[in-house]
Amino acid sequence: MFTYENGETWESVNIHEDYTPVFLDDLIDKYTDDPFLDQANATCEADQECLFDTLATHDEEVGKASKASSEQFQSEENQLGKELMLCLNLFALNSLDFASFQTI
């Protein structure tokens, strides 16, 4: 959660009224005729976070770190999803009342 220090206000910390955020499309346009864009695309292999960070910092190592973090997160998310499904399936099986089933 964001908090202000004593004596700070929104106005005192937002002194750059003309700030415009940079988006990936802006960076791609900036590097359109630069071989660094091809190099970044090869390094990032369609990973958008990697490409943004590489182009924004002009540093492939920063992009590689973003890509590694993204891949790690995806791996953990996939593993947790499998474990969650297993837990839900076990819960569903434990909740069944087998005594009420009839055989035909």
N, C-alpha and C. Protein backbone atom coordinates (compact mmCIF):
# COMPACT_ATOMS: atom_id res chain seq x y z
N MET A 1 0.84 -1.17 0.00
CA MET A 1 0.00 0.00 0.00
C MET A 1 0.89 1.24 0.00
N PHE A 2 0.48 2.22 -0.75
CA PHE A 2 1.23 3.47 -0.86
C PHE A 2 0.84 4.40 0.28
N THR A 3 1.83 4.96 0.92
CA THR A 3 1.57 5.96 1.97
C THR A 3 2.48 7.17 1.75
N TYR A 4 2.05 8.30 2.22
CA TYR A 4 2.85 9.52 2.15
C TYR A 4 3.64 9.66 3.45
N GLU A 5 4.86 10.16 3.32
CA GLU A 5 5.66 10.50 4.49
C GLU A 5 5.06 11.75 5.12
N ASN A 6 5.45 12.04 6.36
CA ASN A 6 4.96 13.25 7.02
C ASN A 6 5.27 14.48 6.17
N GLY A 7 4.27 15.30 5.96
CA GLY A 7 4.44 16.53 5.21
C GLY A 7 4.29 16.37 3.70
N GLU A 8 4.21 15.13 3.20
CA GLU A 8 4.03 14.92 1.77
C GLU A 8 2.54 14.95 1.40
N THR A 9 2.29 15.40 0.20
CA THR A 9 0.93 15.38 -0.35
C THR A 9 1.04 14.87 -1.78
N TRP A 10 -0.11 14.63 -2.40
CA TRP A 10 -0.10 14.20 -3.79
C TRP A 10 0.64 15.22 -4.64
N GLU A 11 0.38 16.49 -4.39
CA GLU A 11 1.01 17.54 -5.17
C GLU A 11 2.53 17.58 -4.99
N SER A 12 3.00 17.29 -3.78
CA SER A 12 4.44 17.40 -3.53
C SER A 12 5.23 16.23 -4.14
N VAL A 13 4.60 15.09 -4.35
CA VAL A 13 5.32 13.95 -4.92
C VAL A 13 5.06 13.78 -6.41
N ASN A 14 4.11 14.48 -6.96
CA ASN A 14 3.79 14.40 -8.39
C ASN A 14 4.16 15.70 -9.08
N ILE A 15 5.46 15.95 -9.11
CA ILE A 15 5.94 17.23 -9.64
C ILE A 15 6.15 17.20 -11.15
N HIS A 16 6.05 16.04 -11.77
CA HIS A 16 6.26 15.91 -13.21
C HIS A 16 4.91 15.81 -13.91
N GLU A 17 4.22 16.93 -14.02
CA GLU A 17 2.89 16.94 -14.61
C GLU A 17 2.89 16.58 -16.09
N ASP A 18 4.03 16.72 -16.75
CA ASP A 18 4.10 16.44 -18.18
C ASP A 18 4.60 15.01 -18.46
N TYR A 19 4.70 14.18 -17.44
CA TYR A 19 5.18 12.81 -17.62
C TYR A 19 4.21 12.01 -18.49
N THR A 20 4.75 11.29 -19.45
CA THR A 20 3.97 10.40 -20.30
C THR A 20 4.59 9.01 -20.19
N PRO A 21 3.81 8.00 -19.81
CA PRO A 21 4.38 6.66 -19.70
C PRO A 21 4.79 6.12 -21.07
N VAL A 22 5.73 5.21 -21.07
CA VAL A 22 6.21 4.59 -22.30
C VAL A 22 5.58 3.20 -22.41
N PHE A 23 5.10 2.89 -23.61
CA PHE A 23 4.50 1.59 -23.86
C PHE A 23 5.35 0.80 -24.84
N LEU A 24 5.14 -0.50 -24.89
CA LEU A 24 5.95 -1.36 -25.75
C LEU A 24 5.91 -0.91 -27.21
N ASP A 25 4.75 -0.56 -27.70
CA ASP A 25 4.65 -0.09 -29.08
C ASP A 25 5.53 1.13 -29.34
N ASP A 26 5.61 2.02 -28.36
CA ASP A 26 6.48 3.20 -28.49
C ASP A 26 7.94 2.78 -28.62
N LEU A 27 8.34 1.81 -27.82
CA LEU A 27 9.73 1.35 -27.86
C LEU A 27 10.04 0.64 -29.17
N ILE A 28 9.10 -0.18 -29.65
CA ILE A 28 9.30 -0.86 -30.93
C ILE A 28 9.44 0.16 -32.05
N ASP A 29 8.59 1.20 -32.03
CA ASP A 29 8.70 2.26 -33.04
C ASP A 29 10.06 2.95 -32.96
N LYS A 30 10.53 3.17 -31.75
CA LYS A 30 11.82 3.84 -31.56
C LYS A 30 12.98 3.04 -32.16
N TYR A 31 12.89 1.71 -32.07
CA TYR A 31 13.98 0.84 -32.51
C TYR A 31 13.72 0.20 -33.88
N THR A 32 12.71 0.67 -34.62
CA THR A 32 12.32 0.04 -35.88
C THR A 32 13.50 -0.18 -36.83
N ASP A 33 14.34 0.80 -37.01
CA ASP A 33 15.47 0.69 -37.96
C ASP A 33 16.78 0.33 -37.28
N ASP A 34 16.71 -0.11 -36.04
CA ASP A 34 17.91 -0.43 -35.27
C ASP A 34 18.05 -1.95 -35.16
N PRO A 35 19.22 -2.49 -35.45
CA PRO A 35 19.42 -3.94 -35.34
C PRO A 35 19.22 -4.46 -33.91
N PHE A 36 19.23 -3.56 -32.94
CA PHE A 36 19.02 -3.99 -31.56
C PHE A 36 17.62 -4.58 -31.37
N LEU A 37 16.65 -4.12 -32.16
CA LEU A 37 15.29 -4.67 -32.07
C LEU A 37 15.28 -6.14 -32.47
N ASP A 38 15.98 -6.49 -33.55
CA ASP A 38 16.07 -7.90 -33.95
C ASP A 38 16.78 -8.73 -32.90
N GLN A 39 17.82 -8.17 -32.33
CA GLN A 39 18.58 -8.84 -31.28
C GLN A 39 17.70 -9.06 -30.04
N ALA A 40 16.93 -8.05 -29.68
CA ALA A 40 16.03 -8.16 -28.53
C ALA A 40 14.94 -9.20 -28.79
N ASN A 41 14.38 -9.20 -30.00
CA ASN A 41 13.37 -10.20 -30.34
C ASN A 41 13.93 -11.61 -30.27
N ALA A 42 15.15 -11.79 -30.73
CA ALA A 42 15.79 -13.11 -30.68
C ALA A 42 16.03 -13.55 -29.23
N THR A 43 16.44 -12.62 -28.42
CA THR A 43 16.70 -12.92 -27.00
C THR A 43 15.42 -13.25 -26.26
N CYS A 44 14.38 -12.49 -26.52
CA CYS A 44 13.15 -12.59 -25.72
C CYS A 44 12.16 -13.64 -26.21
N GLU A 45 12.28 -14.06 -27.47
CA GLU A 45 11.42 -15.12 -28.00
C GLU A 45 9.94 -14.89 -27.68
N ALA A 46 9.41 -13.73 -28.04
CA ALA A 46 7.99 -13.37 -27.89
C ALA A 46 7.56 -13.11 -26.45
N ASP A 47 8.46 -13.06 -25.50
CA ASP A 47 8.12 -12.71 -24.13
C ASP A 47 8.02 -11.19 -24.05
N GLN A 48 6.80 -10.67 -23.87
CA GLN A 48 6.55 -9.23 -23.92
C GLN A 48 7.24 -8.47 -22.80
N GLU A 49 7.27 -9.04 -21.60
CA GLU A 49 7.94 -8.36 -20.49
C GLU A 49 9.43 -8.23 -20.76
N CYS A 50 10.00 -9.30 -21.28
CA CYS A 50 11.43 -9.29 -21.63
C CYS A 50 11.71 -8.23 -22.68
N LEU A 51 10.88 -8.19 -23.72
CA LEU A 51 11.09 -7.24 -24.80
C LEU A 51 10.97 -5.80 -24.30
N PHE A 52 9.95 -5.53 -23.50
CA PHE A 52 9.78 -4.18 -22.96
C PHE A 52 11.01 -3.78 -22.15
N ASP A 53 11.41 -4.64 -21.21
CA ASP A 53 12.53 -4.29 -20.34
C ASP A 53 13.84 -4.16 -21.10
N THR A 54 14.04 -5.03 -22.11
CA THR A 54 15.26 -4.95 -22.92
C THR A 54 15.32 -3.62 -23.67
N LEU A 55 14.21 -3.28 -24.32
CA LEU A 55 14.20 -2.04 -25.10
C LEU A 55 14.22 -0.79 -24.21
N ALA A 56 13.49 -0.84 -23.10
CA ALA A 56 13.42 0.34 -22.21
C ALA A 56 14.77 0.64 -21.58
N THR A 57 15.54 -0.40 -21.28
CA THR A 57 16.83 -0.20 -20.63
C THR A 57 18.01 -0.30 -21.59
N HIS A 58 17.73 -0.76 -22.80
CA HIS A 58 18.77 -1.05 -23.80
C HIS A 58 19.81 -2.01 -23.21
N ASP A 59 19.28 -3.01 -22.48
CA ASP A 59 20.15 -3.96 -21.78
C ASP A 59 19.50 -5.34 -21.84
N GLU A 60 20.08 -6.24 -22.62
CA GLU A 60 19.52 -7.58 -22.76
C GLU A 60 19.51 -8.36 -21.45
N GLU A 61 20.45 -8.10 -20.59
CA GLU A 61 20.50 -8.83 -19.31
C GLU A 61 19.27 -8.54 -18.45
N VAL A 62 18.81 -7.30 -18.50
CA VAL A 62 17.59 -6.94 -17.75
C VAL A 62 16.41 -7.70 -18.33
N GLY A 63 16.32 -7.76 -19.65
CA GLY A 63 15.26 -8.51 -20.30
C GLY A 63 15.32 -9.99 -19.99
N LYS A 64 16.52 -10.55 -20.01
CA LYS A 64 16.69 -11.97 -19.68
C LYS A 64 16.22 -12.26 -18.25
N ALA A 65 16.51 -11.36 -17.34
CA ALA A 65 16.07 -11.53 -15.95
C ALA A 65 14.55 -11.50 -15.87
N SER A 66 13.92 -10.59 -16.62
CA SER A 66 12.45 -10.53 -16.65
C SER A 66 11.87 -11.81 -17.21
N LYS A 67 12.48 -12.31 -18.28
CA LYS A 67 12.01 -13.55 -18.90
C LYS A 67 12.14 -14.72 -17.93
N ALA A 68 13.26 -14.81 -17.23
CA ALA A 68 13.47 -15.89 -16.27
C ALA A 68 12.43 -15.81 -15.15
N SER A 69 12.13 -14.61 -14.68
CA SER A 69 11.12 -14.45 -13.63
C SER A 69 9.75 -14.85 -14.14
N SER A 70 9.43 -14.47 -15.36
CA SER A 70 8.15 -14.81 -15.95
C SER A 70 8.01 -16.32 -16.11
N GLU A 71 9.07 -16.97 -16.57
CA GLU A 71 9.04 -18.43 -16.74
C GLU A 71 8.92 -19.13 -15.39
N GLN A 72 9.60 -18.65 -14.38
CA GLN A 72 9.52 -19.23 -13.05
C GLN A 72 8.10 -19.09 -12.49
N PHE A 73 7.52 -17.90 -12.67
CA PHE A 73 6.15 -17.67 -12.21
C PHE A 73 5.18 -18.62 -12.91
N GLN A 74 5.33 -18.77 -14.23
CA GLN A 74 4.44 -19.65 -15.00
C GLN A 74 4.58 -21.09 -14.53
N SER A 75 5.79 -21.51 -14.28
CA SER A 75 6.04 -22.88 -13.80
C SER A 75 5.37 -23.11 -12.45
N GLU A 76 5.53 -22.15 -11.55
CA GLU A 76 4.92 -22.28 -10.22
C GLU A 76 3.40 -22.23 -10.31
N GLU A 77 2.89 -21.37 -11.19
CA GLU A 77 1.44 -21.27 -11.37
C GLU A 77 0.88 -22.59 -11.91
N ASN A 78 1.57 -23.19 -12.87
CA ASN A 78 1.13 -24.47 -13.42
C ASN A 78 1.15 -25.56 -12.35
N GLN A 79 2.21 -25.60 -11.56
CA GLN A 79 2.32 -26.62 -10.51
C GLN A 79 1.23 -26.44 -9.45
N LEU A 80 1.01 -25.20 -9.04
CA LEU A 80 -0.02 -24.94 -8.04
C LEU A 80 -1.41 -25.27 -8.58
N GLY A 81 -1.62 -25.01 -9.86
CA GLY A 81 -2.90 -25.34 -10.49
C GLY A 81 -3.16 -26.83 -10.46
N LYS A 82 -2.14 -27.62 -10.74
CA LYS A 82 -2.28 -29.08 -10.70
C LYS A 82 -2.56 -29.55 -9.28
N GLU A 83 -1.84 -28.98 -8.32
CA GLU A 83 -2.05 -29.37 -6.93
C GLU A 83 -3.44 -28.95 -6.45
N LEU A 84 -3.91 -27.79 -6.88
CA LEU A 84 -5.23 -27.33 -6.50
C LEU A 84 -6.30 -28.25 -7.07
N MET A 85 -6.15 -28.64 -8.32
CA MET A 85 -7.13 -29.55 -8.94
C MET A 85 -7.14 -30.89 -8.21
N LEU A 86 -5.98 -31.39 -7.84
CA LEU A 86 -5.90 -32.64 -7.10
C LEU A 86 -6.63 -32.50 -5.77
N CYS A 87 -6.40 -31.41 -5.05
CA CYS A 87 -7.08 -31.19 -3.77
C CYS A 87 -8.59 -31.09 -3.96
N LEU A 88 -9.03 -30.37 -4.99
CA LEU A 88 -10.47 -30.25 -5.24
C LEU A 88 -11.09 -31.59 -5.58
N ASN A 89 -10.39 -32.39 -6.37
CA ASN A 89 -10.89 -33.72 -6.72
C ASN A 89 -10.98 -34.61 -5.49
N LEU A 90 -9.97 -34.57 -4.64
CA LEU A 90 -10.00 -35.37 -3.42
C LEU A 90 -11.12 -34.91 -2.49
N PHE A 91 -11.32 -33.59 -2.41
CA PHE A 91 -12.39 -33.06 -1.59
C PHE A 91 -13.74 -33.54 -2.12
N ALA A 92 -13.91 -33.49 -3.43
CA ALA A 92 -15.17 -33.93 -4.04
C ALA A 92 -15.41 -35.41 -3.77
N LEU A 93 -14.38 -36.24 -3.87
CA LEU A 93 -14.53 -37.67 -3.61
C LEU A 93 -14.87 -37.92 -2.15
N ASN A 94 -14.26 -37.20 -1.25
CA ASN A 94 -14.52 -37.37 0.18
C ASN A 94 -15.91 -36.89 0.56
N SER A 95 -16.47 -35.99 -0.26
CA SER A 95 -17.78 -35.44 0.05
C SER A 95 -18.92 -36.33 -0.45
N LEU A 96 -18.62 -37.32 -1.29
CA LEU A 96 -19.66 -38.18 -1.83
C LEU A 96 -20.19 -39.13 -0.75
N ASP A 97 -21.45 -39.36 -0.80
CA ASP A 97 -22.08 -40.32 0.11
C ASP A 97 -22.28 -41.62 -0.68
N PHE A 98 -21.29 -42.50 -0.57
CA PHE A 98 -21.33 -43.73 -1.34
C PHE A 98 -22.46 -44.65 -0.91
N ALA A 99 -22.95 -44.50 0.29
CA ALA A 99 -24.03 -45.36 0.79
C ALA A 99 -25.35 -45.08 0.03
N SER A 100 -25.47 -43.87 -0.51
CA SER A 100 -26.72 -43.55 -1.21
C SER A 100 -26.72 -44.02 -2.67
N PHE A 101 -25.57 -44.48 -3.19
CA PHE A 101 -25.53 -44.96 -4.55
C PHE A 101 -26.12 -46.36 -4.62
N GLN A 102 -26.85 -46.61 -5.67
CA GLN A 102 -27.42 -47.92 -5.89
C GLN A 102 -26.77 -48.56 -7.10
N THR A 103 -26.57 -49.86 -7.03
CA THR A 103 -26.04 -50.56 -8.18
C THR A 103 -27.18 -51.06 -9.03
N ILE A 104 -26.96 -51.13 -10.30
CA ILE A 104 -28.01 -51.58 -11.22
C ILE A 104 -27.75 -53.00 -11.65
